[in-house]
């Protein structure tokens, strides 16, 4: 049986702005890891990142710049678990799923 590759979502323009507003509001304008307020306009983090990243509600979280840096550099395993746990809490097994 052949696996079908899932199409990644990449939003632009008004759709991207509306999506950002929805995620920013969902996460209360705060970092989901440390709780620090995030200035409006700071880019959200894709989880999973890399080749699986997609602009979908169940695959993005708000991280402050420091936690975003830690996710990719200083504490990737811990941050990944935090992001996944948060998204699983909101969306069940669909949260942060690689597909």
PDB file of N, CA and C in Angstrom:
ATOM      1  N   UNK A   1       0.846  -1.178   0.000  1.00  0.00           N
ATOM      2  CA  UNK A   1       0.000   0.000   0.000  1.00  0.00           C
ATOM      3  C   UNK A   1       0.892   1.243   0.000  1.00  0.00           C
ATOM      4  N   UNK A   2       0.645   2.147  -0.908  1.00  0.00           N
ATOM      5  CA  UNK A   2       1.437   3.358  -1.041  1.00  0.00           C
ATOM      6  C   UNK A   2       0.848   4.462  -0.171  1.00  0.00           C
ATOM      7  N   UNK A   3       1.732   5.166   0.572  1.00  0.00           N
ATOM      8  CA  UNK A   3       1.290   6.285   1.390  1.00  0.00           C
ATOM      9  C   UNK A   3       1.138   7.526   0.529  1.00  0.00           C
ATOM     10  N   UNK A   4       0.060   8.241   0.720  1.00  0.00           N
ATOM     11  CA  UNK A   4      -0.184   9.469  -0.022  1.00  0.00           C
ATOM     12  C   UNK A   4       0.438  10.638   0.736  1.00  0.00           C
ATOM     13  N   UNK A   5       1.228  11.446   0.044  1.00  0.00           N
ATOM     14  CA  UNK A   5       1.858  12.599   0.660  1.00  0.00           C
ATOM     15  C   UNK A   5       0.809  13.679   0.907  1.00  0.00           C
ATOM     16  N   UNK A   6       0.814  14.217   2.112  1.00  0.00           N
ATOM     17  CA  UNK A   6      -0.126  15.270   2.474  1.00  0.00           C
ATOM     18  C   UNK A   6       0.374  16.609   1.954  1.00  0.00           C
ATOM     19  N   UNK A   7      -0.511  17.364   1.374  1.00  0.00           N
ATOM     20  CA  UNK A   7      -0.195  18.696   0.871  1.00  0.00           C
ATOM     21  C   UNK A   7       0.030  19.654   2.035  1.00  0.00           C
ATOM     22  N   UNK A   8       1.120  20.385   2.026  1.00  0.00           N
ATOM     23  CA  UNK A   8       1.408  21.375   3.058  1.00  0.00           C
ATOM     24  C   UNK A   8       0.622  22.647   2.760  1.00  0.00           C
ATOM     25  N   UNK A   9       0.200  23.338   3.817  1.00  0.00           N
ATOM     26  CA  UNK A   9      -0.544  24.586   3.673  1.00  0.00           C
ATOM     27  C   UNK A   9       0.424  25.740   3.908  1.00  0.00           C
ATOM     28  N   UNK A  10       0.470  26.659   2.959  1.00  0.00           N
ATOM     29  CA  UNK A  10       1.289  27.867   3.102  1.00  0.00           C
ATOM     30  C   UNK A  10       0.394  29.053   2.779  1.00  0.00           C
ATOM     31  N   UNK A  11      -0.002  29.771   3.822  1.00  0.00           N
ATOM     32  CA  UNK A  11      -0.925  30.887   3.646  1.00  0.00           C
ATOM     33  C   UNK A  11      -0.177  32.182   3.368  1.00  0.00           C
ATOM     34  N   UNK A  12      -0.798  33.048   2.585  1.00  0.00           N
ATOM     35  CA  UNK A  12      -0.241  34.366   2.289  1.00  0.00           C
ATOM     36  C   UNK A  12      -1.364  35.396   2.338  1.00  0.00           C
ATOM     37  N   UNK A  13      -0.972  36.643   2.372  1.00  0.00           N
ATOM     38  CA  UNK A  13      -1.929  37.745   2.299  1.00  0.00           C
ATOM     39  C   UNK A  13      -2.951  37.769   3.427  1.00  0.00           C
ATOM     40  N   UNK A  14      -4.195  38.068   3.067  1.00  0.00           N
ATOM     41  CA  UNK A  14      -5.268  38.195   4.057  1.00  0.00           C
ATOM     42  C   UNK A  14      -5.517  36.894   4.810  1.00  0.00           C
ATOM     43  N   UNK A  15      -5.394  35.761   4.113  1.00  0.00           N
ATOM     44  CA  UNK A  15      -5.597  34.472   4.777  1.00  0.00           C
ATOM     45  C   UNK A  15      -4.530  34.247   5.845  1.00  0.00           C
ATOM     46  N   UNK A  16      -3.298  34.621   5.552  1.00  0.00           N
ATOM     47  CA  UNK A  16      -2.212  34.472   6.526  1.00  0.00           C
ATOM     48  C   UNK A  16      -2.438  35.382   7.727  1.00  0.00           C
ATOM     49  N   UNK A  17      -2.882  36.601   7.484  1.00  0.00           N
ATOM     50  CA  UNK A  17      -3.130  37.558   8.572  1.00  0.00           C
ATOM     51  C   UNK A  17      -4.269  37.063   9.464  1.00  0.00           C
ATOM     52  N   UNK A  18      -5.334  36.583   8.855  1.00  0.00           N
ATOM     53  CA  UNK A  18      -6.476  36.062   9.604  1.00  0.00           C
ATOM     54  C   UNK A  18      -6.068  34.839  10.429  1.00  0.00           C
ATOM     55  N   UNK A  19      -5.270  33.971   9.825  1.00  0.00           N
ATOM     56  CA  UNK A  19      -4.784  32.786  10.524  1.00  0.00           C
ATOM     57  C   UNK A  19      -3.918  33.186  11.722  1.00  0.00           C
ATOM     58  N   UNK A  20      -3.020  34.147  11.509  1.00  0.00           N
ATOM     59  CA  UNK A  20      -2.160  34.620  12.591  1.00  0.00           C
ATOM     60  C   UNK A  20      -3.013  35.159  13.737  1.00  0.00           C
ATOM     61  N   UNK A  21      -4.004  35.976  13.420  1.00  0.00           N
ATOM     62  CA  UNK A  21      -4.882  36.538  14.454  1.00  0.00           C
ATOM     63  C   UNK A  21      -5.556  35.432  15.268  1.00  0.00           C
ATOM     64  N   UNK A  22      -5.997  34.397  14.582  1.00  0.00           N
ATOM     65  CA  UNK A  22      -6.681  33.281  15.243  1.00  0.00           C
ATOM     66  C   UNK A  22      -5.731  32.562  16.216  1.00  0.00           C
ATOM     67  N   UNK A  23      -4.495  32.304  15.781  1.00  0.00           N
ATOM     68  CA  UNK A  23      -3.517  31.615  16.629  1.00  0.00           C
ATOM     69  C   UNK A  23      -3.092  32.509  17.788  1.00  0.00           C
ATOM     70  N   UNK A  24      -2.853  33.773  17.509  1.00  0.00           N
ATOM     71  CA  UNK A  24      -2.444  34.722  18.547  1.00  0.00           C
ATOM     72  C   UNK A  24      -3.528  34.806  19.626  1.00  0.00           C
ATOM     73  N   UNK A  25      -4.777  34.879  19.201  1.00  0.00           N
ATOM     74  CA  UNK A  25      -5.896  34.931  20.154  1.00  0.00           C
ATOM     75  C   UNK A  25      -6.037  33.605  20.908  1.00  0.00           C
ATOM     76  N   UNK A  26      -5.943  32.501  20.180  1.00  0.00           N
ATOM     77  CA  UNK A  26      -6.057  31.181  20.817  1.00  0.00           C
ATOM     78  C   UNK A  26      -5.052  31.024  21.944  1.00  0.00           C
ATOM     79  N   UNK A  27      -3.822  31.471  21.724  1.00  0.00           N
ATOM     80  CA  UNK A  27      -2.763  31.325  22.720  1.00  0.00           C
ATOM     81  C   UNK A  27      -2.687  32.519  23.671  1.00  0.00           C
ATOM     82  N   UNK A  28      -3.670  33.405  23.586  1.00  0.00           N
ATOM     83  CA  UNK A  28      -3.771  34.516  24.521  1.00  0.00           C
ATOM     84  C   UNK A  28      -2.663  35.543  24.397  1.00  0.00           C
ATOM     85  N   UNK A  29      -1.976  35.569  23.256  1.00  0.00           N
ATOM     86  CA  UNK A  29      -0.899  36.528  23.066  1.00  0.00           C
ATOM     87  C   UNK A  29       0.303  36.255  23.956  1.00  0.00           C
ATOM     88  N   UNK A  30       0.412  35.017  24.437  1.00  0.00           N
ATOM     89  CA  UNK A  30       1.505  34.637  25.340  1.00  0.00           C
ATOM     90  C   UNK A  30       2.225  33.402  24.815  1.00  0.00           C
ATOM     91  N   UNK A  31       3.464  33.270  25.231  1.00  0.00           N
ATOM     92  CA  UNK A  31       4.250  32.084  24.909  1.00  0.00           C
ATOM     93  C   UNK A  31       3.632  30.883  25.613  1.00  0.00           C
ATOM     94  N   UNK A  32       3.422  29.811  24.878  1.00  0.00           N
ATOM     95  CA  UNK A  32       2.800  28.624  25.475  1.00  0.00           C
ATOM     96  C   UNK A  32       3.767  27.875  26.390  1.00  0.00           C
ATOM     97  N   UNK A  33       5.055  28.209  26.348  1.00  0.00           N
ATOM     98  CA  UNK A  33       6.054  27.553  27.193  1.00  0.00           C
ATOM     99  C   UNK A  33       6.286  28.336  28.477  1.00  0.00           C
ATOM    100  N   UNK A  34       6.729  29.593  28.367  1.00  0.00           N
ATOM    101  CA  UNK A  34       7.104  30.355  29.569  1.00  0.00           C
ATOM    102  C   UNK A  34       6.018  31.310  30.043  1.00  0.00           C
ATOM    103  N   UNK A  35       5.013  31.571  29.206  1.00  0.00           N
ATOM    104  CA  UNK A  35       3.912  32.445  29.588  1.00  0.00           C
ATOM    105  C   UNK A  35       4.164  33.924  29.357  1.00  0.00           C
ATOM    106  N   UNK A  36       5.324  34.274  28.840  1.00  0.00           N
ATOM    107  CA  UNK A  36       5.675  35.671  28.596  1.00  0.00           C
ATOM    108  C   UNK A  36       4.769  36.256  27.512  1.00  0.00           C
ATOM    109  N   UNK A  37       4.307  37.521  27.698  1.00  0.00           N
ATOM    110  CA  UNK A  37       3.519  38.162  26.635  1.00  0.00           C
ATOM    111  C   UNK A  37       4.356  38.279  25.356  1.00  0.00           C
ATOM    112  N   UNK A  38       3.702  38.098  24.227  1.00  0.00           N
ATOM    113  CA  UNK A  38       4.376  38.170  22.935  1.00  0.00           C
ATOM    114  C   UNK A  38       3.841  39.378  22.179  1.00  0.00           C
ATOM    115  N   UNK A  39       4.754  40.198  21.683  1.00  0.00           N
ATOM    116  CA  UNK A  39       4.366  41.356  20.899  1.00  0.00           C
ATOM    117  C   UNK A  39       3.638  40.881  19.639  1.00  0.00           C
ATOM    118  N   UNK A  40       2.528  41.533  19.324  1.00  0.00           N
ATOM    119  CA  UNK A  40       1.763  41.173  18.138  1.00  0.00           C
ATOM    120  C   UNK A  40       2.663  41.289  16.915  1.00  0.00           C
ATOM    121  N   UNK A  41       2.637  40.286  16.069  1.00  0.00           N
ATOM    122  CA  UNK A  41       3.426  40.283  14.850  1.00  0.00           C
ATOM    123  C   UNK A  41       4.601  39.322  14.894  1.00  0.00           C
ATOM    124  N   UNK A  42       4.967  38.861  16.107  1.00  0.00           N
ATOM    125  CA  UNK A  42       6.041  37.878  16.222  1.00  0.00           C
ATOM    126  C   UNK A  42       5.543  36.569  15.625  1.00  0.00           C
ATOM    127  N   UNK A  43       6.313  36.013  14.707  1.00  0.00           N
ATOM    128  CA  UNK A  43       5.909  34.806  13.972  1.00  0.00           C
ATOM    129  C   UNK A  43       5.684  33.621  14.909  1.00  0.00           C
ATOM    130  N   UNK A  44       4.662  32.848  14.635  1.00  0.00           N
ATOM    131  CA  UNK A  44       4.387  31.627  15.393  1.00  0.00           C
ATOM    132  C   UNK A  44       5.385  30.540  15.011  1.00  0.00           C
ATOM    133  N   UNK A  45       5.389  29.471  15.791  1.00  0.00           N
ATOM    134  CA  UNK A  45       6.286  28.334  15.540  1.00  0.00           C
ATOM    135  C   UNK A  45       5.484  27.170  14.978  1.00  0.00           C
ATOM    136  N   UNK A  46       6.028  26.520  13.964  1.00  0.00           N
ATOM    137  CA  UNK A  46       5.412  25.316  13.391  1.00  0.00           C
ATOM    138  C   UNK A  46       5.882  24.090  14.165  1.00  0.00           C
ATOM    139  N   UNK A  47       4.947  23.269  14.567  1.00  0.00           N
ATOM    140  CA  UNK A  47       5.281  22.002  15.237  1.00  0.00           C
ATOM    141  C   UNK A  47       4.439  20.904  14.634  1.00  0.00           C
ATOM    142  N   UNK A  48       4.978  19.966  13.937  1.00  0.00           N
ATOM    143  CA  UNK A  48       6.406  19.755  13.756  1.00  0.00           C
ATOM    144  C   UNK A  48       6.996  20.785  12.800  1.00  0.00           C
ATOM    145  N   UNK A  49       8.292  20.995  12.952  1.00  0.00           N
ATOM    146  CA  UNK A  49       8.971  21.945  12.078  1.00  0.00           C
ATOM    147  C   UNK A  49       9.661  21.188  10.944  1.00  0.00           C
ATOM    148  N   UNK A  50      10.399  21.893  10.155  1.00  0.00           N
ATOM    149  CA  UNK A  50      11.111  21.250   9.050  1.00  0.00           C
ATOM    150  C   UNK A  50      10.197  20.884   7.900  1.00  0.00           C
ATOM    151  N   UNK A  51      10.412  19.722   7.336  1.00  0.00           N
ATOM    152  CA  UNK A  51       9.664  19.321   6.134  1.00  0.00           C
ATOM    153  C   UNK A  51       8.175  19.098   6.398  1.00  0.00           C
ATOM    154  N   UNK A  52       7.792  18.958   7.656  1.00  0.00           N
ATOM    155  CA  UNK A  52       6.390  18.704   7.989  1.00  0.00           C
ATOM    156  C   UNK A  52       5.614  19.977   8.326  1.00  0.00           C
ATOM    157  N   UNK A  53       6.280  21.124   8.303  1.00  0.00           N
ATOM    158  CA  UNK A  53       5.593  22.349   8.721  1.00  0.00           C
ATOM    159  C   UNK A  53       4.464  22.708   7.772  1.00  0.00           C
ATOM    160  N   UNK A  54       3.402  23.208   8.372  1.00  0.00           N
ATOM    161  CA  UNK A  54       2.215  23.547   7.605  1.00  0.00           C
ATOM    162  C   UNK A  54       1.408  24.577   8.395  1.00  0.00           C
ATOM    163  N   UNK A  55       0.843  25.552   7.711  1.00  0.00           N
ATOM    164  CA  UNK A  55       0.038  26.581   8.365  1.00  0.00           C
ATOM    165  C   UNK A  55      -1.359  26.031   8.649  1.00  0.00           C
ATOM    166  N   UNK A  56      -1.443  25.232   9.699  1.00  0.00           N
ATOM    167  CA  UNK A  56      -2.705  24.656  10.148  1.00  0.00           C
ATOM    168  C   UNK A  56      -2.798  24.870  11.652  1.00  0.00           C
ATOM    169  N   UNK A  57      -4.006  25.130  12.132  1.00  0.00           N
ATOM    170  CA  UNK A  57      -4.232  25.401  13.558  1.00  0.00           C
ATOM    171  C   UNK A  57      -3.580  24.383  14.483  1.00  0.00           C
ATOM    172  N   UNK A  58      -3.688  23.121  14.131  1.00  0.00           N
ATOM    173  CA  UNK A  58      -3.200  22.063  15.006  1.00  0.00           C
ATOM    174  C   UNK A  58      -1.698  21.831  14.861  1.00  0.00           C
ATOM    175  N   UNK A  59      -1.010  22.728  14.124  1.00  0.00           N
ATOM    176  CA  UNK A  59       0.423  22.549  13.898  1.00  0.00           C
ATOM    177  C   UNK A  59       1.248  23.799  14.175  1.00  0.00           C
ATOM    178  N   UNK A  60       0.671  24.783  14.861  1.00  0.00           N
ATOM    179  CA  UNK A  60       1.430  25.994  15.181  1.00  0.00           C
ATOM    180  C   UNK A  60       1.142  26.442  16.604  1.00  0.00           C
ATOM    181  N   UNK A  61       2.143  27.074  17.221  1.00  0.00           N
ATOM    182  CA  UNK A  61       2.001  27.622  18.569  1.00  0.00           C
ATOM    183  C   UNK A  61       2.738  28.951  18.649  1.00  0.00           C
ATOM    184  N   UNK A  62       2.345  29.758  19.593  1.00  0.00           N
ATOM    185  CA  UNK A  62       3.058  31.001  19.852  1.00  0.00           C
ATOM    186  C   UNK A  62       4.187  30.723  20.841  1.00  0.00           C
ATOM    187  N   UNK A  63       5.396  31.084  20.448  1.00  0.00           N
ATOM    188  CA  UNK A  63       6.559  31.005  21.319  1.00  0.00           C
ATOM    189  C   UNK A  63       7.235  32.371  21.319  1.00  0.00           C
ATOM    190  N   UNK A  64       7.672  32.833  22.486  1.00  0.00           N
ATOM    191  CA  UNK A  64       8.420  34.085  22.555  1.00  0.00           C
ATOM    192  C   UNK A  64       9.761  33.863  21.836  1.00  0.00           C
ATOM    193  N   UNK A  65      10.449  34.920  21.467  1.00  0.00           N
ATOM    194  CA  UNK A  65      11.720  34.742  20.752  1.00  0.00           C
ATOM    195  C   UNK A  65      12.736  33.857  21.482  1.00  0.00           C
ATOM    196  N   UNK A  66      12.807  33.968  22.798  1.00  0.00           N
ATOM    197  CA  UNK A  66      13.759  33.158  23.568  1.00  0.00           C
ATOM    198  C   UNK A  66      13.396  31.671  23.523  1.00  0.00           C
ATOM    199  N   UNK A  67      12.121  31.353  23.709  1.00  0.00           N
ATOM    200  CA  UNK A  67      11.685  29.954  23.675  1.00  0.00           C
ATOM    201  C   UNK A  67      11.746  29.394  22.257  1.00  0.00           C
ATOM    202  N   UNK A  68      11.487  30.240  21.267  1.00  0.00           N
ATOM    203  CA  UNK A  68      11.591  29.806  19.881  1.00  0.00           C
ATOM    204  C   UNK A  68      13.047  29.432  19.575  1.00  0.00           C
ATOM    205  N   UNK A  69      13.969  30.248  20.053  1.00  0.00           N
ATOM    206  CA  UNK A  69      15.394  29.946  19.876  1.00  0.00           C
ATOM    207  C   UNK A  69      15.734  28.622  20.559  1.00  0.00           C
ATOM    208  N   UNK A  70      15.237  28.446  21.790  1.00  0.00           N
ATOM    209  CA  UNK A  70      15.510  27.217  22.539  1.00  0.00           C
ATOM    210  C   UNK A  70      14.944  26.002  21.793  1.00  0.00           C
ATOM    211  N   UNK A  71      13.767  26.148  21.183  1.00  0.00           N
ATOM    212  CA  UNK A  71      13.157  25.029  20.458  1.00  0.00           C
ATOM    213  C   UNK A  71      14.065  24.521  19.342  1.00  0.00           C
ATOM    214  N   UNK A  72      14.756  25.434  18.698  1.00  0.00           N
ATOM    215  CA  UNK A  72      15.595  25.046  17.570  1.00  0.00           C
ATOM    216  C   UNK A  72      17.066  24.830  17.933  1.00  0.00           C
ATOM    217  N   UNK A  73      17.501  25.316  19.100  1.00  0.00           N
ATOM    218  CA  UNK A  73      18.933  25.304  19.377  1.00  0.00           C
ATOM    219  C   UNK A  73      19.358  24.716  20.716  1.00  0.00           C
ATOM    220  N   UNK A  74      18.876  25.262  21.814  1.00  0.00           N
ATOM    221  CA  UNK A  74      19.421  24.882  23.119  1.00  0.00           C
ATOM    222  C   UNK A  74      18.648  23.795  23.856  1.00  0.00           C
ATOM    223  N   UNK A  75      17.362  23.656  23.593  1.00  0.00           N
ATOM    224  CA  UNK A  75      16.562  22.634  24.287  1.00  0.00           C
ATOM    225  C   UNK A  75      15.501  22.065  23.356  1.00  0.00           C
ATOM    226  N   UNK A  76      15.905  21.584  22.188  1.00  0.00           N
ATOM    227  CA  UNK A  76      14.902  21.161  21.206  1.00  0.00           C
ATOM    228  C   UNK A  76      13.996  20.025  21.663  1.00  0.00           C
ATOM    229  N   UNK A  77      14.534  19.054  22.386  1.00  0.00           N
ATOM    230  CA  UNK A  77      13.720  17.913  22.809  1.00  0.00           C
ATOM    231  C   UNK A  77      12.658  18.337  23.826  1.00  0.00           C
ATOM    232  N   UNK A  78      13.063  19.122  24.813  1.00  0.00           N
ATOM    233  CA  UNK A  78      12.128  19.599  25.842  1.00  0.00           C
ATOM    234  C   UNK A  78      11.050  20.467  25.203  1.00  0.00           C
ATOM    235  N   UNK A  79      11.466  21.403  24.362  1.00  0.00           N
ATOM    236  CA  UNK A  79      10.517  22.317  23.724  1.00  0.00           C
ATOM    237  C   UNK A  79       9.555  21.569  22.807  1.00  0.00           C
ATOM    238  N   UNK A  80      10.059  20.594  22.093  1.00  0.00           N
ATOM    239  CA  UNK A  80       9.206  19.788  21.215  1.00  0.00           C
ATOM    240  C   UNK A  80       8.115  19.107  22.025  1.00  0.00           C
ATOM    241  N   UNK A  81       8.488  18.522  23.158  1.00  0.00           N
ATOM    242  CA  UNK A  81       7.510  17.850  24.018  1.00  0.00           C
ATOM    243  C   UNK A  81       6.471  18.828  24.552  1.00  0.00           C
ATOM    244  N   UNK A  82       6.903  20.035  24.917  1.00  0.00           N
ATOM    245  CA  UNK A  82       5.980  21.049  25.427  1.00  0.00           C
ATOM    246  C   UNK A  82       4.993  21.461  24.335  1.00  0.00           C
ATOM    247  N   UNK A  83       5.496  21.713  23.137  1.00  0.00           N
ATOM    248  CA  UNK A  83       4.630  22.104  22.021  1.00  0.00           C
ATOM    249  C   UNK A  83       3.645  20.999  21.671  1.00  0.00           C
ATOM    250  N   UNK A  84       4.140  19.770  21.606  1.00  0.00           N
ATOM    251  CA  UNK A  84       3.266  18.642  21.275  1.00  0.00           C
ATOM    252  C   UNK A  84       2.200  18.434  22.344  1.00  0.00           C
ATOM    253  N   UNK A  85       2.581  18.499  23.600  1.00  0.00           N
ATOM    254  CA  UNK A  85       1.618  18.320  24.696  1.00  0.00           C
ATOM    255  C   UNK A  85       0.525  19.388  24.624  1.00  0.00           C
ATOM    256  N   UNK A  86       0.921  20.620  24.355  1.00  0.00           N
ATOM    257  CA  UNK A  86      -0.036  21.723  24.248  1.00  0.00           C
ATOM    258  C   UNK A  86      -1.020  21.469  23.100  1.00  0.00           C
ATOM    259  N   UNK A  87      -0.495  21.131  21.932  1.00  0.00           N
ATOM    260  CA  UNK A  87      -1.357  20.894  20.776  1.00  0.00           C
ATOM    261  C   UNK A  87      -2.205  19.640  20.931  1.00  0.00           C
ATOM    262  N   UNK A  88      -1.676  18.612  21.563  1.00  0.00           N
ATOM    263  CA  UNK A  88      -2.475  17.405  21.830  1.00  0.00           C
ATOM    264  C   UNK A  88      -3.620  17.740  22.780  1.00  0.00           C
ATOM    265  N   UNK A  89      -3.371  18.622  23.738  1.00  0.00           N
ATOM    266  CA  UNK A  89      -4.422  19.041  24.662  1.00  0.00           C
ATOM    267  C   UNK A  89      -5.561  19.759  23.958  1.00  0.00           C
ATOM    268  N   UNK A  90      -5.235  20.482  22.902  1.00  0.00           N
ATOM    269  CA  UNK A  90      -6.255  21.217  22.147  1.00  0.00           C
ATOM    270  C   UNK A  90      -6.920  20.383  21.061  1.00  0.00           C
ATOM    271  N   UNK A  91      -6.129  19.543  20.382  1.00  0.00           N
ATOM    272  CA  UNK A  91      -6.613  18.871  19.178  1.00  0.00           C
ATOM    273  C   UNK A  91      -6.507  17.341  19.221  1.00  0.00           C
ATOM    274  N   UNK A  92      -6.178  16.801  20.358  1.00  0.00           N
ATOM    275  CA  UNK A  92      -6.027  15.365  20.449  1.00  0.00           C
ATOM    276  C   UNK A  92      -4.834  14.879  19.632  1.00  0.00           C
ATOM    277  N   UNK A  93      -4.935  13.702  19.089  1.00  0.00           N
ATOM    278  CA  UNK A  93      -3.824  13.116  18.330  1.00  0.00           C
ATOM    279  C   UNK A  93      -3.521  13.853  17.016  1.00  0.00           C
ATOM    280  N   UNK A  94      -4.432  14.697  16.576  1.00  0.00           N
ATOM    281  CA  UNK A  94      -4.182  15.477  15.363  1.00  0.00           C
ATOM    282  C   UNK A  94      -3.194  16.608  15.621  1.00  0.00           C
ATOM    283  N   UNK A  95      -2.997  16.954  16.881  1.00  0.00           N
ATOM    284  CA  UNK A  95      -2.078  18.033  17.222  1.00  0.00           C
ATOM    285  C   UNK A  95      -0.633  17.672  16.932  1.00  0.00           C
ATOM    286  N   UNK A  96       0.039  18.514  16.159  1.00  0.00           N
ATOM    287  CA  UNK A  96       1.460  18.367  15.836  1.00  0.00           C
ATOM    288  C   UNK A  96       1.782  17.062  15.127  1.00  0.00           C
ATOM    289  N   UNK A  97       0.835  16.491  14.434  1.00  0.00           N
ATOM    290  CA  UNK A  97       1.058  15.208  13.756  1.00  0.00           C
ATOM    291  C   UNK A  97       1.869  15.406  12.480  1.00  0.00           C
ATOM    292  N   UNK A  98       2.845  14.528  12.300  1.00  0.00           N
ATOM    293  CA  UNK A  98       3.620  14.508  11.061  1.00  0.00           C
ATOM    294  C   UNK A  98       2.801  13.767  10.025  1.00  0.00           C
ATOM    295  N   UNK A  99       2.448  14.454   8.971  1.00  0.00           N
ATOM    296  CA  UNK A  99       1.703  13.802   7.888  1.00  0.00           C
ATOM    297  C   UNK A  99       2.028  14.432   6.581  1.00  0.00           C
TER     298      UNK A  99
END
